[in-house]
N, C-alpha and C. Protein backbone atom coordinates (compact mmCIF):
# COMPACT_ATOMS: atom_id res chain seq x y z
N MET A 1 0.83 -1.21 -0.01
CA MET A 1 0.00 0.01 -0.01
C MET A 1 0.88 1.26 0.00
N GLY A 2 1.93 1.24 0.76
CA GLY A 2 2.78 2.42 0.88
C GLY A 2 3.43 2.81 -0.45
N ASN A 3 3.58 1.88 -1.35
CA ASN A 3 4.23 2.11 -2.64
C ASN A 3 3.20 2.31 -3.76
N SER A 4 1.94 2.27 -3.45
CA SER A 4 0.91 2.23 -4.53
C SER A 4 0.94 3.53 -5.36
N GLU A 5 1.05 4.70 -4.74
CA GLU A 5 1.02 5.92 -5.52
C GLU A 5 2.24 5.98 -6.50
N THR A 6 3.39 5.60 -6.03
CA THR A 6 4.58 5.60 -6.92
C THR A 6 4.35 4.60 -8.09
N LYS A 7 3.89 3.42 -7.78
CA LYS A 7 3.66 2.45 -8.86
C LYS A 7 2.57 2.94 -9.81
N PHE A 8 1.49 3.52 -9.30
CA PHE A 8 0.41 4.06 -10.14
C PHE A 8 0.99 5.11 -11.09
N ASN A 9 1.79 6.02 -10.58
CA ASN A 9 2.36 7.09 -11.47
C ASN A 9 3.33 6.42 -12.48
N GLN A 10 4.10 5.44 -12.04
CA GLN A 10 4.98 4.77 -13.02
C GLN A 10 4.21 4.12 -14.13
N TYR A 11 3.16 3.36 -13.80
CA TYR A 11 2.40 2.63 -14.76
C TYR A 11 1.65 3.62 -15.69
N THR A 12 0.99 4.60 -15.10
CA THR A 12 0.18 5.49 -15.97
C THR A 12 1.14 6.33 -16.88
N GLY A 13 2.28 6.64 -16.39
CA GLY A 13 3.28 7.34 -17.25
C GLY A 13 3.56 6.60 -18.53
N THR A 14 3.73 5.31 -18.39
CA THR A 14 3.98 4.43 -19.54
C THR A 14 2.70 4.22 -20.38
N ILE A 15 1.62 3.89 -19.70
CA ILE A 15 0.37 3.61 -20.41
C ILE A 15 -0.22 4.79 -21.14
N ASN A 16 -0.19 5.95 -20.51
CA ASN A 16 -0.74 7.15 -21.17
C ASN A 16 -0.08 7.45 -22.44
N ASP A 17 1.23 7.30 -22.52
CA ASP A 17 1.98 7.56 -23.80
C ASP A 17 1.51 6.52 -24.82
N LEU A 18 1.32 5.29 -24.49
CA LEU A 18 0.87 4.28 -25.43
C LEU A 18 -0.54 4.55 -25.90
N LEU A 19 -1.39 5.08 -25.01
CA LEU A 19 -2.76 5.38 -25.40
C LEU A 19 -2.84 6.45 -26.47
N GLU A 20 -1.85 7.34 -26.49
CA GLU A 20 -1.83 8.44 -27.48
C GLU A 20 -1.26 8.01 -28.83
N ALA A 21 -0.61 6.88 -28.88
CA ALA A 21 0.03 6.40 -30.11
C ALA A 21 -1.04 6.03 -31.17
N LYS A 22 -0.75 6.28 -32.38
CA LYS A 22 -1.65 5.85 -33.48
C LYS A 22 -1.47 4.35 -33.75
N SER A 23 -2.58 3.74 -34.18
CA SER A 23 -2.57 2.29 -34.46
C SER A 23 -2.92 2.09 -35.93
N ASP A 24 -2.31 1.02 -36.49
CA ASP A 24 -2.70 0.61 -37.86
C ASP A 24 -3.87 -0.42 -37.85
N VAL A 25 -4.48 -0.60 -36.68
CA VAL A 25 -5.59 -1.52 -36.57
C VAL A 25 -6.80 -0.71 -36.11
N LYS A 26 -7.92 -0.82 -36.85
CA LYS A 26 -9.15 -0.12 -36.53
C LYS A 26 -10.27 -1.13 -36.28
N PHE A 27 -11.12 -0.82 -35.40
CA PHE A 27 -12.30 -1.66 -35.00
C PHE A 27 -13.56 -1.00 -35.28
N THR A 28 -14.59 -1.77 -35.63
CA THR A 28 -15.99 -1.38 -35.63
C THR A 28 -16.72 -2.53 -34.94
N GLY A 29 -17.88 -2.23 -34.40
CA GLY A 29 -18.59 -3.39 -33.80
C GLY A 29 -19.85 -2.91 -33.05
N SER A 30 -20.65 -3.92 -32.73
CA SER A 30 -21.82 -3.69 -31.94
C SER A 30 -22.21 -5.05 -31.35
N ALA A 31 -22.95 -4.96 -30.23
CA ALA A 31 -23.39 -6.22 -29.54
C ALA A 31 -24.75 -5.95 -28.93
N LYS A 32 -25.63 -6.94 -29.13
CA LYS A 32 -27.00 -6.82 -28.67
C LYS A 32 -27.39 -8.10 -27.86
N ARG A 33 -28.01 -7.91 -26.73
CA ARG A 33 -28.45 -9.01 -25.92
C ARG A 33 -29.97 -9.12 -25.93
N THR A 34 -30.46 -10.34 -26.15
CA THR A 34 -31.88 -10.64 -26.02
C THR A 34 -31.98 -11.84 -25.09
N GLY A 35 -32.46 -11.62 -23.89
CA GLY A 35 -32.48 -12.72 -22.93
C GLY A 35 -31.08 -13.17 -22.62
N ASP A 36 -30.85 -14.49 -22.84
CA ASP A 36 -29.53 -15.07 -22.55
C ASP A 36 -28.70 -15.18 -23.79
N LYS A 37 -29.08 -14.55 -24.89
CA LYS A 37 -28.33 -14.64 -26.16
C LYS A 37 -27.73 -13.32 -26.48
N ILE A 38 -26.44 -13.35 -26.86
CA ILE A 38 -25.76 -12.11 -27.29
C ILE A 38 -25.30 -12.36 -28.74
N ASN A 39 -25.65 -11.41 -29.62
CA ASN A 39 -25.13 -11.42 -30.99
C ASN A 39 -24.37 -10.17 -31.18
N ALA A 40 -23.13 -10.40 -31.67
CA ALA A 40 -22.24 -9.26 -31.90
C ALA A 40 -21.61 -9.38 -33.30
N THR A 41 -21.21 -8.24 -33.80
CA THR A 41 -20.48 -8.22 -35.07
C THR A 41 -19.27 -7.31 -34.89
N LEU A 42 -18.11 -7.88 -35.17
CA LEU A 42 -16.89 -7.10 -35.04
C LEU A 42 -16.27 -6.90 -36.39
N GLY A 43 -15.79 -5.71 -36.64
CA GLY A 43 -15.07 -5.46 -37.90
C GLY A 43 -13.61 -5.07 -37.54
N VAL A 44 -12.69 -5.58 -38.23
CA VAL A 44 -11.27 -5.31 -38.01
C VAL A 44 -10.68 -4.89 -39.33
N GLU A 45 -9.93 -3.80 -39.33
CA GLU A 45 -9.23 -3.30 -40.46
C GLU A 45 -7.74 -3.22 -40.11
N VAL A 46 -6.90 -3.88 -40.83
CA VAL A 46 -5.46 -3.91 -40.59
C VAL A 46 -4.77 -3.28 -41.76
N LYS A 47 -3.91 -2.29 -41.53
CA LYS A 47 -3.22 -1.57 -42.57
C LYS A 47 -2.21 -2.47 -43.26
N GLU A 48 -1.52 -3.26 -42.47
CA GLU A 48 -0.50 -4.16 -43.00
C GLU A 48 -0.56 -5.52 -42.30
N LEU A 49 -0.67 -6.58 -43.08
CA LEU A 49 -0.74 -7.92 -42.50
C LEU A 49 0.62 -8.41 -42.08
N SER A 50 0.66 -9.16 -41.02
CA SER A 50 1.89 -9.90 -40.69
C SER A 50 1.49 -11.29 -40.35
N GLU A 51 2.49 -12.17 -40.24
CA GLU A 51 2.21 -13.57 -40.16
C GLU A 51 1.38 -14.09 -38.94
N ASN A 52 1.58 -13.48 -37.80
CA ASN A 52 1.00 -14.02 -36.57
C ASN A 52 0.02 -13.09 -35.87
N LEU A 53 -0.85 -12.40 -36.64
CA LEU A 53 -1.84 -11.52 -36.04
C LEU A 53 -3.04 -12.38 -35.63
N LYS A 54 -3.55 -12.13 -34.41
CA LYS A 54 -4.69 -12.84 -33.95
C LYS A 54 -5.70 -11.86 -33.38
N LEU A 55 -6.98 -12.15 -33.69
CA LEU A 55 -8.09 -11.40 -33.10
C LEU A 55 -8.58 -12.19 -31.90
N ARG A 56 -8.58 -11.58 -30.74
CA ARG A 56 -9.06 -12.23 -29.54
C ARG A 56 -10.25 -11.44 -28.99
N VAL A 57 -11.25 -12.16 -28.49
CA VAL A 57 -12.47 -11.53 -28.05
C VAL A 57 -12.78 -11.97 -26.64
N LEU A 58 -13.19 -11.03 -25.79
CA LEU A 58 -13.52 -11.33 -24.41
C LEU A 58 -14.93 -10.79 -24.12
N LEU A 59 -15.65 -11.57 -23.32
CA LEU A 59 -16.91 -11.09 -22.80
C LEU A 59 -16.62 -10.73 -21.35
N VAL A 60 -16.86 -9.48 -20.98
CA VAL A 60 -16.51 -8.93 -19.67
C VAL A 60 -17.69 -8.44 -18.92
N GLU A 61 -17.78 -8.70 -17.64
CA GLU A 61 -18.78 -8.07 -16.83
C GLU A 61 -18.14 -6.93 -16.04
N GLU A 62 -18.78 -5.77 -16.07
CA GLU A 62 -18.19 -4.54 -15.55
C GLU A 62 -17.87 -4.71 -14.06
N LYS A 63 -18.80 -5.17 -13.25
CA LYS A 63 -18.55 -5.23 -11.80
C LYS A 63 -19.28 -6.41 -11.24
N VAL A 64 -18.51 -7.19 -10.37
CA VAL A 64 -19.15 -8.35 -9.73
C VAL A 64 -18.83 -8.18 -8.20
N LYS A 65 -19.91 -8.29 -7.42
CA LYS A 65 -19.77 -8.21 -5.95
C LYS A 65 -19.54 -9.63 -5.47
N TYR A 66 -18.38 -9.86 -4.89
CA TYR A 66 -18.00 -11.15 -4.37
C TYR A 66 -16.86 -10.90 -3.32
N PRO A 67 -17.15 -11.24 -2.04
CA PRO A 67 -16.08 -11.06 -1.05
C PRO A 67 -15.09 -12.23 -1.11
N GLY A 68 -14.05 -12.00 -1.88
CA GLY A 68 -13.04 -13.06 -2.09
C GLY A 68 -12.04 -13.07 -0.90
N SER A 69 -11.16 -14.09 -0.97
CA SER A 69 -10.19 -14.26 0.10
C SER A 69 -9.16 -13.13 0.11
N ASN A 70 -9.07 -12.34 -0.95
CA ASN A 70 -8.13 -11.23 -1.05
C ASN A 70 -8.65 -9.99 -0.33
N GLY A 71 -9.89 -10.08 0.20
CA GLY A 71 -10.43 -8.92 0.92
C GLY A 71 -11.19 -7.92 0.05
N MET A 72 -11.09 -8.10 -1.25
CA MET A 72 -11.79 -7.21 -2.18
C MET A 72 -13.25 -7.64 -2.23
N ARG A 73 -14.19 -6.66 -2.17
CA ARG A 73 -15.62 -6.98 -2.25
C ARG A 73 -16.13 -6.78 -3.64
N PHE A 74 -15.50 -5.94 -4.42
CA PHE A 74 -15.95 -5.68 -5.80
C PHE A 74 -14.81 -5.98 -6.73
N HIS A 75 -15.16 -6.65 -7.85
CA HIS A 75 -14.15 -7.02 -8.84
C HIS A 75 -14.63 -6.42 -10.15
N HIS A 76 -13.74 -5.69 -10.82
CA HIS A 76 -14.06 -4.99 -12.02
C HIS A 76 -13.48 -5.67 -13.26
N GLN A 77 -14.23 -5.55 -14.38
CA GLN A 77 -13.76 -6.13 -15.64
C GLN A 77 -13.49 -7.61 -15.53
N VAL A 78 -14.51 -8.33 -15.03
CA VAL A 78 -14.36 -9.80 -14.87
C VAL A 78 -14.62 -10.49 -16.20
N VAL A 79 -13.62 -11.23 -16.68
CA VAL A 79 -13.76 -11.94 -17.91
C VAL A 79 -14.62 -13.17 -17.70
N ARG A 80 -15.73 -13.25 -18.45
CA ARG A 80 -16.72 -14.31 -18.31
C ARG A 80 -16.53 -15.37 -19.41
N ALA A 81 -16.04 -15.02 -20.51
CA ALA A 81 -15.90 -15.95 -21.63
C ALA A 81 -14.87 -15.37 -22.66
N MET A 82 -14.31 -16.24 -23.49
CA MET A 82 -13.47 -15.88 -24.58
C MET A 82 -13.99 -16.53 -25.85
N PRO A 83 -15.03 -15.91 -26.49
CA PRO A 83 -15.51 -16.49 -27.76
C PRO A 83 -14.42 -16.63 -28.76
N GLY A 84 -14.24 -17.81 -29.30
CA GLY A 84 -13.11 -18.08 -30.19
C GLY A 84 -11.94 -18.66 -29.47
N GLY A 85 -12.00 -18.77 -28.18
CA GLY A 85 -10.96 -19.40 -27.38
C GLY A 85 -9.77 -18.51 -27.15
N LYS A 86 -8.84 -19.00 -26.31
CA LYS A 86 -7.64 -18.22 -25.99
C LYS A 86 -6.70 -18.06 -27.17
N ASP A 87 -6.75 -18.97 -28.12
CA ASP A 87 -5.88 -18.88 -29.32
C ASP A 87 -6.36 -17.87 -30.28
N GLY A 88 -7.63 -17.44 -30.19
CA GLY A 88 -8.16 -16.36 -31.06
C GLY A 88 -8.33 -16.86 -32.51
N THR A 89 -8.55 -15.90 -33.37
CA THR A 89 -8.75 -16.13 -34.78
C THR A 89 -7.66 -15.46 -35.58
N ALA A 90 -7.03 -16.18 -36.48
CA ALA A 90 -5.93 -15.58 -37.30
C ALA A 90 -6.54 -14.51 -38.17
N VAL A 91 -5.85 -13.35 -38.22
CA VAL A 91 -6.18 -12.29 -39.13
C VAL A 91 -5.39 -12.44 -40.39
N THR A 92 -6.02 -12.96 -41.43
CA THR A 92 -5.35 -13.28 -42.69
C THR A 92 -5.74 -12.37 -43.84
N GLU A 93 -6.64 -11.45 -43.56
CA GLU A 93 -7.03 -10.46 -44.58
C GLU A 93 -7.03 -9.10 -43.95
N LYS A 94 -6.86 -8.08 -44.78
CA LYS A 94 -6.81 -6.69 -44.23
C LYS A 94 -8.09 -6.24 -43.66
N THR A 95 -9.22 -6.79 -44.13
CA THR A 95 -10.53 -6.46 -43.59
C THR A 95 -11.23 -7.74 -43.13
N VAL A 96 -11.65 -7.81 -41.91
CA VAL A 96 -12.28 -8.97 -41.37
C VAL A 96 -13.60 -8.54 -40.73
N LYS A 97 -14.66 -9.30 -41.00
CA LYS A 97 -15.91 -9.11 -40.30
C LYS A 97 -16.23 -10.40 -39.57
N LYS A 98 -16.41 -10.33 -38.29
CA LYS A 98 -16.59 -11.55 -37.47
C LYS A 98 -17.87 -11.48 -36.70
N PRO A 99 -18.83 -12.42 -37.00
CA PRO A 99 -20.03 -12.52 -36.20
C PRO A 99 -19.73 -13.35 -34.98
N ILE A 100 -20.35 -13.00 -33.85
CA ILE A 100 -20.13 -13.69 -32.60
C ILE A 100 -21.50 -13.97 -31.98
N GLU A 101 -21.70 -15.22 -31.55
CA GLU A 101 -22.89 -15.55 -30.81
C GLU A 101 -22.48 -16.17 -29.53
N ILE A 102 -23.11 -15.68 -28.43
CA ILE A 102 -22.81 -16.14 -27.08
C ILE A 102 -24.09 -16.54 -26.39
N ASP A 103 -24.13 -17.70 -25.79
CA ASP A 103 -25.26 -18.22 -25.03
C ASP A 103 -24.85 -18.10 -23.56
N LEU A 104 -25.45 -17.15 -22.86
CA LEU A 104 -25.09 -16.93 -21.45
C LEU A 104 -25.40 -18.12 -20.55
N ALA A 105 -26.42 -18.91 -20.90
CA ALA A 105 -26.71 -20.10 -20.13
C ALA A 105 -25.55 -21.10 -20.22
N GLU A 106 -24.94 -21.17 -21.40
CA GLU A 106 -23.78 -22.05 -21.58
C GLU A 106 -22.56 -21.51 -20.88
N VAL A 107 -22.42 -20.19 -20.89
CA VAL A 107 -21.31 -19.55 -20.16
C VAL A 107 -21.40 -19.83 -18.64
N ARG A 108 -22.61 -19.67 -18.12
CA ARG A 108 -22.80 -19.97 -16.66
C ARG A 108 -22.51 -21.44 -16.37
N LYS A 109 -23.00 -22.33 -17.26
CA LYS A 109 -22.78 -23.74 -17.04
C LYS A 109 -21.27 -24.10 -17.06
N GLY A 110 -20.53 -23.51 -17.99
CA GLY A 110 -19.08 -23.71 -18.07
C GLY A 110 -18.36 -23.16 -16.90
N LEU A 111 -18.76 -21.99 -16.41
CA LEU A 111 -18.15 -21.41 -15.23
C LEU A 111 -18.45 -22.21 -14.00
N SER A 112 -19.65 -22.71 -13.87
CA SER A 112 -20.01 -23.56 -12.70
C SER A 112 -19.20 -24.84 -12.69
N LYS A 113 -19.03 -25.48 -13.84
CA LYS A 113 -18.26 -26.64 -13.93
C LYS A 113 -16.78 -26.39 -13.50
N TYR A 114 -16.21 -25.30 -14.02
CA TYR A 114 -14.87 -24.89 -13.70
C TYR A 114 -14.74 -24.67 -12.17
N LEU A 115 -15.67 -23.97 -11.57
CA LEU A 115 -15.64 -23.72 -10.14
C LEU A 115 -15.81 -25.00 -9.32
N ASP A 116 -16.70 -25.89 -9.81
CA ASP A 116 -16.89 -27.16 -9.13
C ASP A 116 -15.59 -27.93 -9.11
N ASP A 117 -14.93 -28.03 -10.28
CA ASP A 117 -13.68 -28.75 -10.40
C ASP A 117 -12.57 -28.15 -9.51
N PHE A 118 -12.53 -26.87 -9.56
CA PHE A 118 -11.50 -26.15 -8.76
C PHE A 118 -11.71 -26.33 -7.24
N SER A 119 -13.00 -26.20 -6.83
CA SER A 119 -13.26 -26.29 -5.42
C SER A 119 -13.15 -27.72 -4.86
N ALA A 120 -13.06 -28.70 -5.72
CA ALA A 120 -12.85 -30.08 -5.30
C ALA A 120 -11.50 -30.26 -4.66
N THR A 121 -10.53 -29.41 -5.07
CA THR A 121 -9.15 -29.54 -4.54
C THR A 121 -8.85 -28.36 -3.55
N ARG A 122 -9.55 -27.25 -3.74
CA ARG A 122 -9.31 -26.12 -2.89
C ARG A 122 -10.61 -25.35 -2.67
N PRO A 123 -11.31 -25.68 -1.59
CA PRO A 123 -12.64 -25.03 -1.36
C PRO A 123 -12.53 -23.50 -1.20
N PHE A 124 -13.56 -22.85 -1.72
CA PHE A 124 -13.62 -21.41 -1.62
C PHE A 124 -14.12 -21.04 -0.22
N PRO A 125 -13.62 -19.93 0.37
CA PRO A 125 -14.09 -19.53 1.69
C PRO A 125 -15.52 -19.04 1.62
N ASN A 126 -15.96 -18.56 0.53
CA ASN A 126 -17.31 -18.09 0.33
C ASN A 126 -17.89 -18.88 -0.87
N PRO A 127 -18.91 -19.73 -0.65
CA PRO A 127 -19.42 -20.57 -1.69
C PRO A 127 -20.33 -19.81 -2.72
N GLU A 128 -20.65 -18.56 -2.44
CA GLU A 128 -21.47 -17.78 -3.32
C GLU A 128 -20.89 -17.71 -4.76
N ARG A 129 -21.75 -17.80 -5.75
CA ARG A 129 -21.27 -17.69 -7.13
C ARG A 129 -22.11 -16.69 -7.93
N PRO A 130 -21.72 -15.44 -7.84
CA PRO A 130 -22.51 -14.39 -8.54
C PRO A 130 -22.35 -14.51 -10.09
N MET A 131 -23.43 -14.83 -10.74
CA MET A 131 -23.37 -14.92 -12.21
C MET A 131 -24.53 -14.18 -12.84
N GLU A 132 -24.73 -12.99 -12.41
CA GLU A 132 -25.83 -12.18 -12.88
C GLU A 132 -25.70 -11.87 -14.34
N MET A 133 -24.43 -11.62 -14.78
CA MET A 133 -24.16 -11.35 -16.20
C MET A 133 -24.86 -10.07 -16.65
N SER A 134 -24.67 -8.98 -15.86
CA SER A 134 -25.25 -7.73 -16.23
C SER A 134 -24.11 -6.73 -16.58
N HIS A 135 -24.45 -5.67 -17.23
CA HIS A 135 -23.45 -4.67 -17.61
C HIS A 135 -22.28 -5.34 -18.33
N LEU A 136 -22.57 -5.99 -19.41
CA LEU A 136 -21.59 -6.76 -20.19
C LEU A 136 -20.99 -5.91 -21.28
N THR A 137 -19.74 -6.24 -21.64
CA THR A 137 -19.00 -5.54 -22.68
C THR A 137 -18.25 -6.60 -23.46
N ILE A 138 -18.12 -6.36 -24.76
CA ILE A 138 -17.31 -7.20 -25.65
C ILE A 138 -16.02 -6.41 -25.84
N ILE A 139 -14.87 -7.03 -25.52
CA ILE A 139 -13.54 -6.45 -25.79
C ILE A 139 -12.91 -7.21 -26.93
N ALA A 140 -12.43 -6.48 -27.93
CA ALA A 140 -11.74 -7.09 -29.02
C ALA A 140 -10.34 -6.56 -29.04
N LEU A 141 -9.39 -7.45 -29.32
CA LEU A 141 -8.02 -6.98 -29.46
C LEU A 141 -7.29 -7.73 -30.59
N VAL A 142 -6.37 -7.07 -31.23
CA VAL A 142 -5.53 -7.73 -32.17
C VAL A 142 -4.15 -7.74 -31.62
N GLN A 143 -3.59 -8.95 -31.57
CA GLN A 143 -2.28 -9.20 -30.94
C GLN A 143 -1.34 -9.83 -31.96
N ASP A 144 -0.10 -9.44 -31.91
CA ASP A 144 0.95 -10.09 -32.67
C ASP A 144 1.51 -11.18 -31.80
N ASP A 145 1.26 -12.44 -32.18
CA ASP A 145 1.65 -13.57 -31.34
C ASP A 145 3.21 -13.80 -31.35
N THR A 146 3.87 -13.19 -32.28
CA THR A 146 5.35 -13.31 -32.32
C THR A 146 5.95 -12.47 -31.20
N THR A 147 5.47 -11.22 -31.05
CA THR A 147 6.05 -10.29 -30.08
C THR A 147 5.24 -10.22 -28.79
N GLY A 148 3.96 -10.63 -28.85
CA GLY A 148 3.06 -10.49 -27.72
C GLY A 148 2.42 -9.14 -27.68
N GLU A 149 2.81 -8.24 -28.55
CA GLU A 149 2.28 -6.86 -28.53
C GLU A 149 0.82 -6.84 -28.92
N ILE A 150 0.03 -6.09 -28.20
CA ILE A 150 -1.37 -5.81 -28.56
C ILE A 150 -1.33 -4.55 -29.39
N LEU A 151 -1.72 -4.70 -30.64
CA LEU A 151 -1.66 -3.60 -31.63
C LEU A 151 -2.78 -2.57 -31.42
N ASN A 152 -3.93 -3.07 -31.00
CA ASN A 152 -5.06 -2.16 -30.64
C ASN A 152 -6.14 -2.97 -29.98
N ALA A 153 -7.00 -2.29 -29.25
CA ALA A 153 -8.13 -2.95 -28.59
C ALA A 153 -9.30 -1.97 -28.60
N ALA A 154 -10.54 -2.55 -28.52
CA ALA A 154 -11.73 -1.69 -28.44
C ALA A 154 -12.73 -2.46 -27.62
N GLN A 155 -13.65 -1.71 -27.07
CA GLN A 155 -14.71 -2.34 -26.28
C GLN A 155 -16.07 -1.81 -26.83
N PHE A 156 -17.01 -2.75 -26.82
CA PHE A 156 -18.41 -2.51 -27.32
C PHE A 156 -19.39 -2.93 -26.26
N PRO A 157 -20.13 -1.99 -25.69
CA PRO A 157 -21.11 -2.34 -24.68
C PRO A 157 -22.17 -3.24 -25.27
N VAL A 158 -22.62 -4.18 -24.52
CA VAL A 158 -23.71 -5.08 -24.94
C VAL A 158 -25.01 -4.36 -24.62
N GLU A 159 -25.78 -4.05 -25.67
CA GLU A 159 -27.04 -3.35 -25.49
C GLU A 159 -28.14 -4.37 -25.19
N GLY A 160 -29.18 -3.90 -24.57
CA GLY A 160 -30.35 -4.79 -24.31
C GLY A 160 -30.24 -5.60 -23.01
N LYS A 161 -31.29 -6.39 -22.80
CA LYS A 161 -31.35 -7.20 -21.59
C LYS A 161 -31.82 -8.58 -21.95
């Protein structure tokens, strides 16, 4: 805690400069929720292709109230799913349009199984499992898997209920 302000200033000094940099990757997109179904469309425009560009997509919940063992009661930007998986989708054309369908009932089912498996070896101090799935956002990023660099990222709020 005593070092937090120094670290915050160090990190934001680096990050703020990167946020101002121009990117050769542009995004468009939208996401709509109807009940437990989310339909999204992402557009990616890349100025110059390289061999190992990947599009990765995350479904994120803005805030989850859960008193974890770390003492934090609220957790922000909680990743709920990665449509397309952790390996992402290869960007092989300069313009890509990617439709995404997410079934929140399946996401909850997968998360419950993961938590059941995990708690079999290491029980949670609080058995509550908040899976409201409200205030969702789709985050898209293009990453160069050779260097690990994220070339650009964008977020699209999920509209509807």
